[in-house]
Amino acid sequence: MPSCFAMKAKQQVDAPGAEHDVDALVRQRLRELRTERGLTLEDVASRAQIDVSTLSRLESGKRRLALDHLPRLATALSVTTDDLLRAPEAEDPRVRGTATTRDNITYWPLTRHGPANGLHAYKIRISEQRNTPPAELPVHEGRDWMYVLSGKLRLILGEQDFTVGPGEAVEFSTWTPHWFGVVDGPVEAVTIFGLHGEQVHLHS
């Protein structure tokens, strides 16, 4: 006897003009769920016991979905088959995150942290206690961009020493020995880090 989810899927596919819609829905959900979980095509294919080239063609629409794919894909993604067949809910656009403080800088995330490891933006507040550069300025891969909202930012790049005021922005390679702090009081700014800069500033 066919299972409930198989009967439901078959009913959806048998509905007039619905086969393409079901294929498109599952492809969209498959990509969304896989990305949310930070899984590669190889990860899902291995868990679902499906050839990775088959899974790639399923996602791209170059291969039609078969009923026996559904339970294996759902298991691989740790969801129910109903979840795989359900239209995704509208995404909440609001960014929610917890502030992090390190080295006298408090970071409020302004972008989501996904598995893509792209650029991440933060609002930051630099404490007045961060006013003395270290003896050795750090160097790491990437670029940093900062826009000062209030206060006076001190930025040291190699042998150069800059004061950056409200309404001014700076962009620099972090391969250059660098440090930033305050001149005479706290500073608020918006900053964008690439992956390596984020790791150094927040996680090292």
N, C-alpha and C. Protein backbone atom coordinates (compact mmCIF):
# COMPACT_ATOMS: atom_id res chain seq x y z
N MET A 1 0.85 -1.19 0.00
CA MET A 1 0.00 0.00 0.00
C MET A 1 0.88 1.24 0.00
N PRO A 2 0.62 2.22 -0.87
CA PRO A 2 1.46 3.42 -0.91
C PRO A 2 1.30 4.23 0.35
N SER A 3 2.38 4.88 0.77
CA SER A 3 2.35 5.68 1.98
C SER A 3 1.54 6.96 1.74
N CYS A 4 1.21 7.64 2.84
CA CYS A 4 0.41 8.86 2.74
C CYS A 4 1.12 9.93 1.94
N PHE A 5 2.45 10.09 2.18
CA PHE A 5 3.15 11.15 1.47
C PHE A 5 3.23 10.83 -0.02
N ALA A 6 3.35 9.54 -0.38
CA ALA A 6 3.41 9.18 -1.80
C ALA A 6 2.08 9.46 -2.47
N MET A 7 0.97 9.15 -1.77
CA MET A 7 -0.36 9.42 -2.32
C MET A 7 -0.55 10.93 -2.49
N LYS A 8 -0.10 11.70 -1.50
CA LYS A 8 -0.25 13.15 -1.57
C LYS A 8 0.57 13.71 -2.73
N ALA A 9 1.81 13.25 -2.85
CA ALA A 9 2.66 13.72 -3.94
C ALA A 9 2.07 13.35 -5.28
N LYS A 10 1.55 12.12 -5.38
CA LYS A 10 0.97 11.67 -6.66
C LYS A 10 -0.24 12.52 -7.00
N GLN A 11 -1.07 12.85 -5.99
CA GLN A 11 -2.23 13.69 -6.24
C GLN A 11 -1.81 15.06 -6.75
N GLN A 12 -0.72 15.59 -6.17
CA GLN A 12 -0.25 16.90 -6.60
C GLN A 12 0.26 16.85 -8.03
N VAL A 13 0.99 15.77 -8.35
CA VAL A 13 1.54 15.63 -9.69
C VAL A 13 0.45 15.36 -10.71
N ASP A 14 -0.60 14.59 -10.32
CA ASP A 14 -1.67 14.23 -11.24
C ASP A 14 -2.61 15.39 -11.53
N ALA A 15 -2.59 16.42 -10.68
CA ALA A 15 -3.48 17.56 -10.91
C ALA A 15 -3.10 18.22 -12.24
N PRO A 16 -4.11 18.71 -12.99
CA PRO A 16 -3.84 19.30 -14.31
C PRO A 16 -2.80 20.42 -14.23
N GLY A 17 -1.75 20.27 -15.05
CA GLY A 17 -0.71 21.30 -15.13
C GLY A 17 0.16 21.41 -13.91
N ALA A 18 0.07 20.42 -12.97
CA ALA A 18 0.77 20.58 -11.70
C ALA A 18 2.16 19.96 -11.69
N GLU A 19 2.45 19.08 -12.64
CA GLU A 19 3.73 18.37 -12.60
C GLU A 19 4.91 19.33 -12.63
N HIS A 20 4.82 20.31 -13.52
CA HIS A 20 5.91 21.29 -13.59
C HIS A 20 6.00 22.08 -12.30
N ASP A 21 4.83 22.46 -11.71
CA ASP A 21 4.83 23.24 -10.48
C ASP A 21 5.48 22.47 -9.34
N VAL A 22 5.19 21.17 -9.22
CA VAL A 22 5.77 20.36 -8.16
C VAL A 22 7.28 20.26 -8.35
N ASP A 23 7.71 20.01 -9.58
CA ASP A 23 9.15 19.96 -9.87
C ASP A 23 9.83 21.26 -9.46
N ALA A 24 9.23 22.38 -9.87
CA ALA A 24 9.83 23.68 -9.58
C ALA A 24 9.86 23.95 -8.07
N LEU A 25 8.79 23.57 -7.38
CA LEU A 25 8.71 23.77 -5.94
C LEU A 25 9.79 22.97 -5.22
N VAL A 26 9.92 21.69 -5.57
CA VAL A 26 10.89 20.85 -4.90
C VAL A 26 12.32 21.33 -5.21
N ARG A 27 12.56 21.75 -6.45
CA ARG A 27 13.89 22.27 -6.78
C ARG A 27 14.22 23.48 -5.92
N GLN A 28 13.25 24.39 -5.77
CA GLN A 28 13.47 25.59 -4.97
C GLN A 28 13.71 25.23 -3.51
N ARG A 29 12.86 24.34 -2.98
CA ARG A 29 13.01 23.95 -1.58
C ARG A 29 14.31 23.20 -1.35
N LEU A 30 14.69 22.36 -2.30
CA LEU A 30 15.92 21.60 -2.18
C LEU A 30 17.12 22.53 -2.07
N ARG A 31 17.18 23.53 -2.95
CA ARG A 31 18.29 24.48 -2.90
C ARG A 31 18.27 25.29 -1.61
N GLU A 32 17.07 25.76 -1.21
CA GLU A 32 16.96 26.58 -0.01
C GLU A 32 17.37 25.81 1.24
N LEU A 33 16.84 24.59 1.39
CA LEU A 33 17.14 23.80 2.57
C LEU A 33 18.61 23.39 2.61
N ARG A 34 19.14 23.04 1.45
CA ARG A 34 20.55 22.63 1.39
C ARG A 34 21.45 23.81 1.77
N THR A 35 21.12 25.01 1.25
CA THR A 35 21.93 26.19 1.54
C THR A 35 21.81 26.58 3.00
N GLU A 36 20.59 26.55 3.55
CA GLU A 36 20.38 26.90 4.95
C GLU A 36 21.23 26.02 5.87
N ARG A 37 21.39 24.76 5.50
CA ARG A 37 22.13 23.82 6.34
C ARG A 37 23.62 23.78 6.02
N GLY A 38 24.04 24.57 5.05
CA GLY A 38 25.45 24.62 4.70
C GLY A 38 25.95 23.34 4.07
N LEU A 39 25.07 22.64 3.34
CA LEU A 39 25.43 21.35 2.74
C LEU A 39 25.78 21.52 1.27
N THR A 40 26.75 20.76 0.81
CA THR A 40 27.10 20.76 -0.61
C THR A 40 26.22 19.74 -1.33
N LEU A 41 26.26 19.79 -2.66
CA LEU A 41 25.57 18.77 -3.45
C LEU A 41 26.08 17.38 -3.09
N GLU A 42 27.39 17.28 -2.88
CA GLU A 42 27.97 15.98 -2.53
C GLU A 42 27.45 15.48 -1.19
N ASP A 43 27.27 16.39 -0.22
CA ASP A 43 26.75 16.00 1.10
C ASP A 43 25.35 15.39 0.98
N VAL A 44 24.47 16.11 0.26
CA VAL A 44 23.08 15.67 0.14
C VAL A 44 23.01 14.39 -0.70
N ALA A 45 23.78 14.34 -1.76
CA ALA A 45 23.76 13.15 -2.62
C ALA A 45 24.19 11.91 -1.85
N SER A 46 25.22 12.06 -1.03
CA SER A 46 25.70 10.92 -0.23
C SER A 46 24.64 10.47 0.77
N ARG A 47 24.02 11.43 1.45
CA ARG A 47 23.00 11.08 2.44
C ARG A 47 21.76 10.47 1.79
N ALA A 48 21.42 10.96 0.59
CA ALA A 48 20.22 10.48 -0.09
C ALA A 48 20.49 9.25 -0.95
N GLN A 49 21.77 8.85 -1.03
CA GLN A 49 22.17 7.71 -1.87
C GLN A 49 21.72 7.93 -3.32
N ILE A 50 22.00 9.17 -3.79
CA ILE A 50 21.71 9.56 -5.16
C ILE A 50 23.03 10.03 -5.78
N ASP A 51 23.25 9.69 -7.02
CA ASP A 51 24.45 10.16 -7.70
C ASP A 51 24.47 11.68 -7.72
N VAL A 52 25.65 12.28 -7.46
CA VAL A 52 25.73 13.73 -7.36
C VAL A 52 25.36 14.41 -8.68
N SER A 53 25.66 13.79 -9.80
CA SER A 53 25.27 14.38 -11.08
C SER A 53 23.76 14.36 -11.25
N THR A 54 23.11 13.32 -10.73
CA THR A 54 21.65 13.26 -10.77
C THR A 54 21.04 14.37 -9.92
N LEU A 55 21.60 14.55 -8.73
CA LEU A 55 21.09 15.60 -7.84
C LEU A 55 21.29 16.98 -8.46
N SER A 56 22.44 17.19 -9.09
CA SER A 56 22.69 18.47 -9.75
C SER A 56 21.67 18.74 -10.85
N ARG A 57 21.34 17.70 -11.62
CA ARG A 57 20.36 17.87 -12.69
C ARG A 57 18.96 18.08 -12.13
N LEU A 58 18.65 17.46 -10.98
CA LEU A 58 17.36 17.68 -10.34
C LEU A 58 17.23 19.15 -9.90
N GLU A 59 18.29 19.68 -9.29
CA GLU A 59 18.25 21.06 -8.81
C GLU A 59 18.13 22.05 -9.97
N SER A 60 18.81 21.75 -11.07
CA SER A 60 18.83 22.68 -12.19
C SER A 60 17.64 22.53 -13.12
N GLY A 61 16.82 21.48 -12.91
CA GLY A 61 15.65 21.26 -13.75
C GLY A 61 15.95 20.49 -15.01
N LYS A 62 17.17 19.96 -15.13
CA LYS A 62 17.52 19.19 -16.33
C LYS A 62 17.05 17.74 -16.23
N ARG A 63 16.56 17.35 -15.04
CA ARG A 63 16.01 16.01 -14.87
C ARG A 63 14.72 16.12 -14.10
N ARG A 64 13.72 15.31 -14.50
CA ARG A 64 12.42 15.34 -13.83
C ARG A 64 12.52 14.63 -12.50
N LEU A 65 11.73 15.11 -11.56
CA LEU A 65 11.68 14.52 -10.23
C LEU A 65 10.88 13.23 -10.27
N ALA A 66 11.40 12.19 -9.60
CA ALA A 66 10.67 10.93 -9.45
C ALA A 66 10.19 10.79 -8.01
N LEU A 67 9.07 10.09 -7.83
CA LEU A 67 8.51 9.95 -6.49
C LEU A 67 9.49 9.32 -5.51
N ASP A 68 10.31 8.38 -5.98
CA ASP A 68 11.21 7.73 -5.05
C ASP A 68 12.36 8.64 -4.60
N HIS A 69 12.53 9.79 -5.27
CA HIS A 69 13.53 10.76 -4.82
C HIS A 69 13.09 11.47 -3.54
N LEU A 70 11.78 11.68 -3.39
CA LEU A 70 11.28 12.54 -2.31
C LEU A 70 11.67 12.06 -0.91
N PRO A 71 11.38 10.80 -0.53
CA PRO A 71 11.73 10.41 0.84
C PRO A 71 13.23 10.44 1.10
N ARG A 72 14.02 10.11 0.09
CA ARG A 72 15.48 10.11 0.29
C ARG A 72 16.02 11.53 0.43
N LEU A 73 15.49 12.45 -0.36
CA LEU A 73 15.92 13.85 -0.24
C LEU A 73 15.48 14.45 1.09
N ALA A 74 14.25 14.13 1.50
CA ALA A 74 13.76 14.65 2.78
C ALA A 74 14.62 14.15 3.94
N THR A 75 14.97 12.86 3.91
CA THR A 75 15.82 12.30 4.96
C THR A 75 17.19 12.96 4.96
N ALA A 76 17.74 13.15 3.76
CA ALA A 76 19.06 13.76 3.65
C ALA A 76 19.08 15.18 4.21
N LEU A 77 17.96 15.89 4.11
CA LEU A 77 17.87 17.28 4.57
C LEU A 77 17.27 17.39 5.97
N SER A 78 16.97 16.25 6.59
CA SER A 78 16.41 16.21 7.96
C SER A 78 15.08 16.95 8.04
N VAL A 79 14.22 16.76 7.04
CA VAL A 79 12.88 17.33 7.06
C VAL A 79 11.89 16.23 6.68
N THR A 80 10.61 16.52 6.83
CA THR A 80 9.61 15.58 6.38
C THR A 80 9.36 15.80 4.89
N THR A 81 8.73 14.82 4.26
CA THR A 81 8.39 14.98 2.85
C THR A 81 7.40 16.11 2.66
N ASP A 82 6.49 16.29 3.61
CA ASP A 82 5.55 17.41 3.54
C ASP A 82 6.31 18.74 3.52
N ASP A 83 7.38 18.84 4.34
CA ASP A 83 8.18 20.06 4.35
C ASP A 83 8.81 20.31 2.99
N LEU A 84 9.24 19.23 2.34
CA LEU A 84 9.88 19.36 1.03
C LEU A 84 8.88 19.80 -0.04
N LEU A 85 7.61 19.41 0.14
CA LEU A 85 6.57 19.73 -0.85
C LEU A 85 5.85 21.04 -0.54
N ARG A 86 6.13 21.61 0.64
CA ARG A 86 5.41 22.82 1.04
C ARG A 86 6.10 24.05 0.48
N ALA A 87 5.33 24.99 0.02
CA ALA A 87 5.89 26.25 -0.47
C ALA A 87 6.59 26.97 0.68
N PRO A 88 7.76 27.53 0.43
CA PRO A 88 8.50 28.20 1.52
C PRO A 88 7.76 29.42 2.02
N GLU A 89 7.88 29.66 3.31
CA GLU A 89 7.26 30.85 3.90
C GLU A 89 8.08 32.07 3.51
N ALA A 90 7.41 33.21 3.48
CA ALA A 90 8.11 34.45 3.18
C ALA A 90 9.18 34.69 4.22
N GLU A 91 10.38 35.03 3.76
CA GLU A 91 11.51 35.21 4.66
C GLU A 91 11.37 36.50 5.44
N ASP A 92 11.67 36.44 6.74
CA ASP A 92 11.68 37.63 7.58
C ASP A 92 12.93 38.44 7.22
N PRO A 93 12.76 39.67 6.72
CA PRO A 93 13.93 40.43 6.27
C PRO A 93 14.75 41.02 7.41
N ARG A 94 14.21 40.98 8.63
CA ARG A 94 14.91 41.61 9.74
C ARG A 94 16.14 40.78 10.14
N VAL A 95 17.23 41.48 10.41
CA VAL A 95 18.47 40.82 10.84
C VAL A 95 18.51 40.81 12.36
N ARG A 96 18.60 39.63 12.91
CA ARG A 96 18.64 39.49 14.37
C ARG A 96 19.99 38.89 14.76
N GLY A 97 20.63 39.49 15.71
CA GLY A 97 21.92 38.98 16.14
C GLY A 97 22.30 39.56 17.49
N THR A 98 23.20 38.90 18.16
CA THR A 98 23.64 39.32 19.48
C THR A 98 24.93 40.12 19.37
N ALA A 99 25.01 41.19 20.11
CA ALA A 99 26.22 42.01 20.11
C ALA A 99 27.39 41.23 20.68
N THR A 100 28.56 41.47 20.13
CA THR A 100 29.80 40.82 20.58
C THR A 100 30.81 41.90 20.90
N THR A 101 31.50 41.78 22.04
CA THR A 101 32.52 42.74 22.42
C THR A 101 33.88 42.06 22.48
N ARG A 102 34.86 42.66 21.82
CA ARG A 102 36.21 42.13 21.83
C ARG A 102 37.19 43.27 21.65
N ASP A 103 38.24 43.28 22.45
CA ASP A 103 39.29 44.31 22.34
C ASP A 103 38.72 45.72 22.38
N ASN A 104 37.77 45.94 23.28
CA ASN A 104 37.16 47.26 23.47
C ASN A 104 36.35 47.74 22.26
N ILE A 105 35.88 46.80 21.44
CA ILE A 105 34.98 47.13 20.33
C ILE A 105 33.74 46.25 20.46
N THR A 106 32.56 46.88 20.40
CA THR A 106 31.30 46.14 20.41
C THR A 106 30.75 46.10 18.99
N TYR A 107 30.37 44.89 18.52
CA TYR A 107 29.89 44.68 17.16
C TYR A 107 28.42 44.29 17.18
N TRP A 108 27.59 45.00 16.39
CA TRP A 108 26.20 44.62 16.18
C TRP A 108 26.05 44.17 14.73
N PRO A 109 25.67 42.92 14.47
CA PRO A 109 25.58 42.44 13.08
C PRO A 109 24.47 43.14 12.32
N LEU A 110 24.75 43.50 11.07
CA LEU A 110 23.78 44.14 10.18
C LEU A 110 23.43 43.24 9.00
N THR A 111 24.11 42.12 8.89
CA THR A 111 23.85 41.15 7.83
C THR A 111 23.77 39.77 8.45
N ARG A 112 23.11 38.87 7.73
CA ARG A 112 23.02 37.50 8.20
C ARG A 112 24.33 36.77 7.94
N HIS A 113 24.56 35.75 8.75
CA HIS A 113 25.75 34.91 8.60
C HIS A 113 25.31 33.59 7.99
N GLY A 114 25.64 33.43 6.71
CA GLY A 114 25.32 32.21 6.05
C GLY A 114 26.53 31.42 5.68
N PRO A 115 26.27 30.25 5.08
CA PRO A 115 27.40 29.41 4.72
C PRO A 115 28.22 29.94 3.57
N ALA A 116 27.70 30.99 2.88
CA ALA A 116 28.43 31.48 1.71
C ALA A 116 29.70 32.23 2.09
N ASN A 117 29.81 32.66 3.35
CA ASN A 117 31.00 33.36 3.81
C ASN A 117 31.30 34.59 2.95
N GLY A 118 30.29 35.41 2.71
CA GLY A 118 30.50 36.62 1.93
C GLY A 118 30.88 37.77 2.83
N LEU A 119 30.57 39.00 2.39
CA LEU A 119 30.86 40.18 3.18
C LEU A 119 29.84 40.32 4.30
N HIS A 120 30.30 40.74 5.47
CA HIS A 120 29.42 40.91 6.61
C HIS A 120 29.58 42.33 7.15
N ALA A 121 28.46 42.98 7.40
CA ALA A 121 28.46 44.37 7.87
C ALA A 121 28.11 44.42 9.36
N TYR A 122 28.71 45.38 10.05
CA TYR A 122 28.45 45.58 11.48
C TYR A 122 28.36 47.07 11.78
N LYS A 123 27.54 47.41 12.76
CA LYS A 123 27.69 48.69 13.43
C LYS A 123 28.62 48.43 14.60
N ILE A 124 29.58 49.30 14.80
CA ILE A 124 30.52 49.10 15.89
C ILE A 124 30.58 50.32 16.79
N ARG A 125 30.92 50.09 18.04
CA ARG A 125 31.21 51.18 18.98
C ARG A 125 32.58 50.89 19.58
N ILE A 126 33.50 51.82 19.36
CA ILE A 126 34.87 51.67 19.84
C ILE A 126 34.99 52.44 21.15
N SER A 127 35.36 51.74 22.19
CA SER A 127 35.45 52.35 23.52
C SER A 127 36.60 53.36 23.58
N GLU A 128 36.44 54.37 24.45
CA GLU A 128 37.50 55.34 24.66
C GLU A 128 38.78 54.70 25.21
N GLN A 129 38.65 53.47 25.74
CA GLN A 129 39.84 52.77 26.26
C GLN A 129 40.75 52.24 25.15
N ARG A 130 40.20 52.19 23.93
CA ARG A 130 41.03 51.70 22.82
C ARG A 130 41.73 52.92 22.19
N ASN A 131 42.79 53.37 22.83
CA ASN A 131 43.45 54.60 22.41
C ASN A 131 44.95 54.46 22.20
N THR A 132 45.49 53.25 22.39
CA THR A 132 46.92 53.05 22.24
C THR A 132 47.18 51.86 21.33
N PRO A 133 47.85 52.07 20.19
CA PRO A 133 48.11 50.94 19.28
C PRO A 133 49.11 49.96 19.88
N PRO A 134 49.05 48.70 19.46
CA PRO A 134 50.01 47.71 19.96
C PRO A 134 51.40 47.96 19.37
N ALA A 135 52.39 47.32 19.95
CA ALA A 135 53.77 47.49 19.46
C ALA A 135 53.92 46.94 18.05
N GLU A 136 53.19 45.88 17.75
CA GLU A 136 53.23 45.28 16.41
C GLU A 136 51.84 45.32 15.80
N LEU A 137 51.70 45.98 14.66
CA LEU A 137 50.39 46.12 14.03
C LEU A 137 50.04 44.83 13.29
N PRO A 138 48.77 44.38 13.39
CA PRO A 138 48.38 43.12 12.76
C PRO A 138 48.29 43.22 11.24
N VAL A 139 48.45 42.08 10.59
CA VAL A 139 48.32 41.94 9.15
C VAL A 139 47.52 40.67 8.89
N HIS A 140 46.58 40.73 7.94
CA HIS A 140 45.84 39.52 7.58
C HIS A 140 45.25 39.71 6.19
N GLU A 141 44.74 38.64 5.62
CA GLU A 141 44.17 38.67 4.28
C GLU A 141 42.86 39.44 4.28
N GLY A 142 42.60 40.21 3.20
CA GLY A 142 41.30 40.83 3.03
C GLY A 142 41.35 42.33 2.89
N ARG A 143 40.16 42.95 2.94
CA ARG A 143 40.01 44.40 2.91
C ARG A 143 38.97 44.79 3.95
N ASP A 144 39.13 45.97 4.54
CA ASP A 144 38.16 46.52 5.48
C ASP A 144 37.62 47.83 4.93
N TRP A 145 36.35 48.10 5.21
CA TRP A 145 35.71 49.36 4.85
C TRP A 145 35.01 49.87 6.10
N MET A 146 35.16 51.16 6.41
CA MET A 146 34.54 51.75 7.59
C MET A 146 33.97 53.11 7.26
N TYR A 147 32.80 53.41 7.84
CA TYR A 147 32.16 54.72 7.71
C TYR A 147 31.89 55.22 9.13
N VAL A 148 32.46 56.39 9.45
CA VAL A 148 32.35 56.91 10.81
C VAL A 148 31.03 57.66 10.98
N LEU A 149 30.28 57.26 12.00
CA LEU A 149 29.01 57.92 12.32
C LEU A 149 29.20 59.05 13.32
N SER A 150 30.02 58.82 14.34
CA SER A 150 30.26 59.84 15.36
C SER A 150 31.63 59.59 16.00
N GLY A 151 32.21 60.66 16.54
CA GLY A 151 33.52 60.56 17.16
C GLY A 151 34.63 60.68 16.12
N LYS A 152 35.87 60.59 16.60
CA LYS A 152 37.04 60.68 15.74
C LYS A 152 37.81 59.36 15.80
N LEU A 153 37.89 58.73 14.64
CA LEU A 153 38.58 57.45 14.51
C LEU A 153 40.05 57.69 14.19
N ARG A 154 40.91 56.96 14.89
CA ARG A 154 42.34 56.98 14.54
C ARG A 154 42.66 55.71 13.78
N LEU A 155 43.22 55.87 12.60
CA LEU A 155 43.58 54.72 11.76
C LEU A 155 45.06 54.80 11.42
N ILE A 156 45.79 53.75 11.77
CA ILE A 156 47.21 53.65 11.43
C ILE A 156 47.36 52.62 10.33
N LEU A 157 47.97 53.03 9.23
CA LEU A 157 48.26 52.13 8.12
C LEU A 157 49.76 52.21 7.84
N GLY A 158 50.46 51.18 8.26
CA GLY A 158 51.91 51.20 8.09
C GLY A 158 52.52 52.37 8.83
N GLU A 159 53.18 53.27 8.09
CA GLU A 159 53.82 54.44 8.69
C GLU A 159 52.90 55.65 8.74
N GLN A 160 51.67 55.51 8.19
CA GLN A 160 50.76 56.65 8.12
C GLN A 160 49.76 56.63 9.27
N ASP A 161 49.42 57.81 9.75
CA ASP A 161 48.51 57.96 10.89
C ASP A 161 47.40 58.93 10.49
N PHE A 162 46.14 58.44 10.46
CA PHE A 162 45.02 59.25 9.97
C PHE A 162 44.01 59.49 11.09
N THR A 163 43.33 60.66 11.04
CA THR A 163 42.16 60.92 11.86
C THR A 163 40.96 61.00 10.92
N VAL A 164 39.92 60.19 11.20
CA VAL A 164 38.76 60.09 10.33
C VAL A 164 37.54 60.56 11.11
N GLY A 165 36.85 61.57 10.60
CA GLY A 165 35.74 62.17 11.32
C GLY A 165 34.39 61.69 10.83
N PRO A 166 33.31 62.14 11.48
CA PRO A 166 31.95 61.75 11.08
C PRO A 166 31.68 62.09 9.62
N GLY A 167 31.04 61.14 8.91
CA GLY A 167 30.72 61.35 7.51
C GLY A 167 31.83 60.96 6.57
N GLU A 168 32.96 60.53 7.11
CA GLU A 168 34.08 60.10 6.27
C GLU A 168 34.20 58.58 6.27
N ALA A 169 34.65 58.04 5.15
CA ALA A 169 34.81 56.58 5.01
C ALA A 169 36.25 56.27 4.66
N VAL A 170 36.69 55.07 5.02
CA VAL A 170 38.02 54.59 4.66
C VAL A 170 37.90 53.17 4.15
N GLU A 171 38.77 52.83 3.23
CA GLU A 171 38.85 51.46 2.71
C GLU A 171 40.33 51.14 2.54
N PHE A 172 40.74 49.96 3.01
CA PHE A 172 42.17 49.65 2.96
C PHE A 172 42.40 48.15 2.92
N SER A 173 43.54 47.79 2.38
CA SER A 173 43.96 46.40 2.36
C SER A 173 44.50 46.02 3.73
N THR A 174 44.05 44.89 4.25
CA THR A 174 44.51 44.45 5.56
C THR A 174 45.83 43.69 5.48
N TRP A 175 46.39 43.61 4.26
CA TRP A 175 47.77 43.14 4.13
C TRP A 175 48.74 44.20 4.66
N THR A 176 48.27 45.47 4.71
CA THR A 176 49.08 46.55 5.28
C THR A 176 48.98 46.49 6.80
N PRO A 177 50.09 46.56 7.53
CA PRO A 177 50.00 46.60 9.00
C PRO A 177 49.06 47.73 9.42
N HIS A 178 48.08 47.42 10.28
CA HIS A 178 47.05 48.41 10.56
C HIS A 178 46.51 48.28 11.98
N TRP A 179 45.85 49.34 12.41
CA TRP A 179 45.17 49.38 13.71
C TRP A 179 44.21 50.56 13.69
N PHE A 180 43.07 50.40 14.37
CA PHE A 180 42.17 51.55 14.50
C PHE A 180 41.69 51.65 15.94
N GLY A 181 41.52 52.89 16.38
CA GLY A 181 41.06 53.16 17.74
C GLY A 181 40.42 54.54 17.78
N VAL A 182 40.48 55.20 18.93
CA VAL A 182 39.81 56.50 19.08
C VAL A 182 40.85 57.59 19.30
N VAL A 183 40.41 58.84 19.08
CA VAL A 183 41.27 59.99 19.34
C VAL A 183 41.04 60.52 20.74
N ASP A 184 39.80 60.93 21.04
CA ASP A 184 39.55 61.52 22.35
C ASP A 184 38.19 61.14 22.94
N GLY A 185 37.58 60.08 22.46
CA GLY A 185 36.29 59.64 22.98
C GLY A 185 35.78 58.49 22.15
N PRO A 186 34.65 57.90 22.54
CA PRO A 186 34.13 56.73 21.81
C PRO A 186 33.77 57.07 20.37
N VAL A 187 33.84 56.07 19.53
CA VAL A 187 33.54 56.21 18.11
C VAL A 187 32.47 55.20 17.73
N GLU A 188 31.48 55.64 16.92
CA GLU A 188 30.52 54.72 16.33
C GLU A 188 30.71 54.73 14.82
N ALA A 189 30.66 53.55 14.22
CA ALA A 189 30.91 53.44 12.78
C ALA A 189 30.18 52.23 12.23
N VAL A 190 30.08 52.19 10.92
CA VAL A 190 29.62 51.00 10.20
C VAL A 190 30.81 50.42 9.48
N THR A 191 31.00 49.12 9.58
CA THR A 191 32.16 48.49 8.96
C THR A 191 31.75 47.25 8.20
N ILE A 192 32.48 46.95 7.15
CA ILE A 192 32.25 45.75 6.35
C ILE A 192 33.54 44.95 6.33
N PHE A 193 33.43 43.67 6.72
CA PHE A 193 34.57 42.76 6.70
C PHE A 193 34.32 41.65 5.70
N GLY A 194 35.38 41.22 5.03
CA GLY A 194 35.34 39.94 4.34
C GLY A 194 35.56 38.85 5.36
N LEU A 195 35.55 37.61 4.92
CA LEU A 195 35.65 36.45 5.82
C LEU A 195 36.87 36.54 6.71
N HIS A 196 38.04 36.80 6.14
CA HIS A 196 39.27 36.74 6.93
C HIS A 196 39.34 37.88 7.93
N GLY A 197 38.88 39.07 7.52
CA GLY A 197 38.86 40.18 8.45
C GLY A 197 37.91 39.94 9.61
N GLU A 198 36.77 39.33 9.30
CA GLU A 198 35.80 39.03 10.36
C GLU A 198 36.39 38.04 11.36
N GLN A 199 37.08 37.02 10.86
CA GLN A 199 37.67 36.03 11.75
C GLN A 199 38.69 36.66 12.68
N VAL A 200 39.49 37.58 12.15
CA VAL A 200 40.53 38.22 12.96
C VAL A 200 39.90 39.13 14.00
N HIS A 201 38.94 39.98 13.60
CA HIS A 201 38.38 40.97 14.51
C HIS A 201 37.47 40.36 15.57
N LEU A 202 36.68 39.34 15.18
CA LEU A 202 35.67 38.83 16.10
C LEU A 202 36.01 37.51 16.75
N HIS A 203 36.81 36.66 16.09
CA HIS A 203 36.90 35.27 16.54
C HIS A 203 38.29 34.83 16.98
N SER A 204 39.32 35.55 16.65
CA SER A 204 40.65 35.07 16.98
C SER A 204 40.99 35.32 18.43
